[in-house]
Amino acid sequence: MTDPEKPIDNRILADAVDEVKAMGKEGLAHPSSKPVLTGAAVGAVAGGLLPVVTWPVGLIAGAGYMIYKRIRP
């Protein structure tokens, strides 16, 4: 049984997959597309500036963080 007060439950991956599928179908018309693309761009720039992290890792991290913030505010 999942606790409704718990911020992270076992449905987070399923919710993220559903959100990405919806973004793929609707494109930039989906309300999550622009924030996720912005997060990916910021992550890529940060990854390019940091000496240890490369820009693809920053891009994935930025997009992942914004998807998480969209499904679990």
Protein backbone atom coordinates (compact mmCIF):
# COMPACT_ATOMS: atom_id res chain seq x y z
CA MET A 1 0.00 0.00 0.00
CA THR A 2 1.40 3.39 -0.92
CA ASP A 3 1.36 6.28 1.50
CA PRO A 4 -0.30 9.39 -0.04
CA GLU A 5 1.92 11.60 2.15
CA LYS A 6 5.08 10.05 0.72
CA PRO A 7 6.51 12.38 -2.02
CA ILE A 8 8.13 9.58 -4.03
CA ASP A 9 6.33 6.32 -4.65
CA ASN A 10 6.64 3.46 -7.10
CA ARG A 11 4.49 5.29 -9.69
CA ILE A 12 7.09 7.96 -10.47
CA LEU A 13 8.61 6.06 -13.39
CA ALA A 14 5.22 5.28 -14.89
CA ASP A 15 4.15 8.92 -14.51
CA ALA A 16 7.37 10.12 -16.15
CA VAL A 17 6.91 7.73 -19.09
CA ASP A 18 3.32 8.89 -19.55
CA GLU A 19 4.44 12.54 -19.45
CA VAL A 20 7.19 11.98 -22.03
CA LYS A 21 4.77 10.11 -24.32
CA ALA A 22 2.28 12.97 -24.08
CA MET A 23 5.05 15.49 -24.83
CA GLY A 24 6.05 13.44 -27.87
CA LYS A 25 2.50 13.34 -29.21
CA GLU A 26 1.68 17.01 -28.64
CA GLY A 27 5.10 18.52 -29.31
CA LEU A 28 5.59 22.09 -28.16
CA ALA A 29 1.85 22.48 -27.56
CA HIS A 30 2.18 20.34 -24.41
CA PRO A 31 2.58 22.45 -21.27
CA SER A 32 5.64 20.49 -20.10
CA SER A 33 7.66 20.73 -23.31
CA LYS A 34 9.06 24.23 -22.95
CA PRO A 35 10.12 23.92 -19.28
CA VAL A 36 11.77 20.56 -19.97
CA LEU A 37 13.63 21.92 -23.01
CA THR A 38 14.73 24.93 -20.97
CA GLY A 39 15.98 22.66 -18.19
CA ALA A 40 17.85 20.56 -20.75
CA ALA A 41 19.51 23.66 -22.20
CA VAL A 42 20.52 24.97 -18.78
CA GLY A 43 21.88 21.55 -17.86
CA ALA A 44 23.89 21.35 -21.08
CA VAL A 45 25.42 24.78 -20.48
CA ALA A 46 26.22 23.89 -16.88
CA GLY A 47 27.72 20.59 -18.03
CA GLY A 48 29.88 22.43 -20.53
CA LEU A 49 31.18 24.79 -17.88
CA LEU A 50 31.91 22.20 -15.20
CA PRO A 51 35.24 20.41 -15.53
CA VAL A 52 34.02 16.91 -14.56
CA VAL A 53 30.59 16.73 -16.21
CA THR A 54 30.16 16.76 -20.00
CA TRP A 55 27.33 18.55 -21.77
CA PRO A 56 25.31 15.39 -22.62
CA VAL A 57 25.24 14.41 -18.95
CA GLY A 58 24.14 17.93 -18.04
CA LEU A 59 21.48 17.88 -20.76
CA ILE A 60 20.00 14.61 -19.48
CA ALA A 61 20.21 15.73 -15.86
CA GLY A 62 18.52 19.07 -16.61
CA ALA A 63 15.72 17.47 -18.60
CA GLY A 64 15.25 14.75 -16.00
CA TYR A 65 15.06 17.27 -13.18
CA MET A 66 12.43 19.34 -14.98
CA ILE A 67 10.33 16.28 -15.81
CA TYR A 68 10.50 15.30 -12.15
CA LYS A 69 9.43 18.82 -11.09
CA ARG A 70 6.52 18.71 -13.55
CA ILE A 71 5.14 15.37 -12.31
CA ARG A 72 5.99 15.86 -8.61
CA PRO A 73 5.76 19.61 -7.85
